[in-house]
């Protein structure tokens, strides 16, 4: 008698092995995807800070002691940042146009800090 088909036990064994492979691969894939999102988000923040530095070279006077800030919308309007929606890749939403980069004059140089959820207005850059 010829055996042309798989037995039920063989099929169950294959399904079990495939299930174990999936259980191992999904967390690894999810972790890799999350790390990639974090790296892209950090790169985007660095680009925003770099745009603020370029903006500062044109708009700030030397030896200014006052704390300042620049918004994403100002960076876009002045051509230092692409005029499109800026996304927070971790929280999967858009950053508001009045999200700020704080500019402080300290030790004879400007420091630029992306504040993320800080919004322009009263109390901005109080740290």
Protein backbone atom coordinates (compact mmCIF):
# COMPACT_ATOMS: atom_id res chain seq x y z
CA UNK A 1 0.00 0.00 0.00
CA UNK A 2 1.32 3.41 -1.03
CA UNK A 3 1.39 6.33 1.35
CA UNK A 4 0.43 9.49 -0.62
CA UNK A 5 -0.77 11.75 2.20
CA UNK A 6 0.41 13.07 5.55
CA UNK A 7 -1.01 11.63 8.71
CA UNK A 8 -2.84 13.79 11.19
CA UNK A 9 0.09 13.54 13.62
CA UNK A 10 2.54 14.80 10.98
CA UNK A 11 0.28 17.76 10.13
CA UNK A 12 -0.12 18.66 13.80
CA UNK A 13 3.66 18.46 14.31
CA UNK A 14 4.28 20.84 11.40
CA UNK A 15 1.62 23.29 12.68
CA UNK A 16 3.16 23.13 16.16
CA UNK A 17 6.66 23.85 14.82
CA UNK A 18 5.39 26.76 12.70
CA UNK A 19 3.53 28.12 15.75
CA UNK A 20 6.70 28.04 17.86
CA UNK A 21 8.64 29.83 15.12
CA UNK A 22 5.97 32.57 14.98
CA UNK A 23 6.00 32.94 18.78
CA UNK A 24 9.76 33.53 18.67
CA UNK A 25 9.83 35.81 15.62
CA UNK A 26 6.97 38.23 16.47
CA UNK A 27 8.57 39.73 19.63
CA UNK A 28 11.91 40.09 17.85
CA UNK A 29 10.24 41.81 14.91
CA UNK A 30 8.20 44.10 17.18
CA UNK A 31 11.28 45.06 19.21
CA UNK A 32 13.24 45.83 16.03
CA UNK A 33 10.38 47.95 14.71
CA UNK A 34 10.16 49.92 17.99
CA UNK A 35 13.93 50.54 18.08
CA UNK A 36 13.81 51.74 14.48
CA UNK A 37 10.98 54.16 15.31
CA UNK A 38 12.97 55.51 18.27
CA UNK A 39 16.07 56.03 16.11
CA UNK A 40 14.03 57.79 13.41
CA UNK A 41 12.39 59.97 16.05
CA UNK A 42 15.81 60.91 17.47
CA UNK A 43 17.09 61.70 13.97
CA UNK A 44 14.09 63.90 13.35
CA UNK A 45 14.67 65.76 16.64
CA UNK A 46 18.30 66.30 15.65
CA UNK A 47 17.19 67.71 12.29
CA UNK A 48 14.80 70.11 14.03
CA UNK A 49 17.58 71.26 16.39
CA UNK A 50 19.93 71.66 13.44
CA UNK A 51 17.33 73.77 11.65
CA UNK A 52 17.01 75.88 14.82
CA UNK A 53 20.80 76.37 14.89
CA UNK A 54 20.73 77.57 11.29
CA UNK A 55 17.80 79.84 12.14
CA UNK A 56 19.73 81.15 15.16
CA UNK A 57 22.76 82.07 13.07
CA UNK A 58 20.61 84.43 11.05
CA UNK A 59 18.30 85.78 13.76
CA UNK A 60 20.19 85.95 17.07
CA UNK A 61 22.63 88.60 18.16
CA UNK A 62 25.81 87.70 20.04
CA UNK A 63 25.96 87.89 23.83
CA UNK A 64 22.19 87.80 24.20
CA UNK A 65 21.44 86.63 27.74
CA UNK A 66 17.68 86.25 27.28
CA UNK A 67 16.14 82.82 26.86
CA UNK A 68 14.52 82.44 23.48
CA UNK A 69 12.67 79.84 21.53
CA UNK A 70 11.72 79.13 17.96
CA UNK A 71 8.66 77.17 16.86
CA UNK A 72 8.47 74.49 14.20
CA UNK A 73 6.16 76.77 12.19
CA UNK A 74 8.76 79.59 12.24
CA UNK A 75 11.43 77.16 11.04
CA UNK A 76 9.12 76.05 8.23
CA UNK A 77 8.11 79.59 7.26
CA UNK A 78 11.74 80.73 7.09
CA UNK A 79 12.71 77.72 4.96
CA UNK A 80 14.90 75.95 7.53
CA UNK A 81 12.56 72.96 7.84
CA UNK A 82 10.42 71.26 5.19
CA UNK A 83 6.88 72.59 5.14
CA UNK A 84 5.04 69.38 5.98
CA UNK A 85 3.56 67.74 9.03
CA UNK A 86 6.17 66.69 11.57
CA UNK A 87 5.26 63.38 13.17
CA UNK A 88 6.12 61.93 16.54
CA UNK A 89 6.88 58.39 15.44
CA UNK A 90 6.69 56.89 18.92
CA UNK A 91 3.30 58.31 19.88
CA UNK A 92 2.13 58.14 16.24
CA UNK A 93 0.71 61.66 16.11
CA UNK A 94 1.68 64.99 14.57
CA UNK A 95 3.74 67.53 16.49
CA UNK A 96 1.95 70.84 16.84
CA UNK A 97 3.28 73.74 14.79
CA UNK A 98 3.93 75.74 17.95
CA UNK A 99 6.18 73.04 19.44
CA UNK A 100 9.42 74.75 20.40
CA UNK A 101 13.17 74.49 20.40
CA UNK A 102 14.58 76.41 23.37
CA UNK A 103 17.61 78.61 22.77
CA UNK A 104 19.79 79.61 25.73
CA UNK A 105 23.01 81.61 25.79
CA UNK A 106 25.39 79.90 28.19
CA UNK A 107 29.18 79.88 28.50
CA UNK A 108 29.61 82.17 25.49
CA UNK A 109 27.61 79.94 23.17
CA UNK A 110 24.04 79.10 22.32
CA UNK A 111 22.46 75.84 23.47
CA UNK A 112 19.52 74.41 21.55
CA UNK A 113 17.09 71.99 23.20
CA UNK A 114 14.12 70.32 21.54
CA UNK A 115 11.30 70.49 24.07
CA UNK A 116 8.93 68.11 22.28
CA UNK A 117 5.67 68.68 24.08
CA UNK A 118 6.39 72.26 25.19
CA UNK A 119 4.23 74.82 23.40
CA UNK A 120 5.23 78.42 22.60
CA UNK A 121 3.92 81.07 24.96
CA UNK A 122 4.01 81.90 28.62
CA UNK A 123 6.33 79.63 30.54
CA UNK A 124 8.17 78.30 27.50
CA UNK A 125 11.79 77.37 28.19
CA UNK A 126 11.64 77.96 31.94
CA UNK A 127 14.05 75.18 32.80
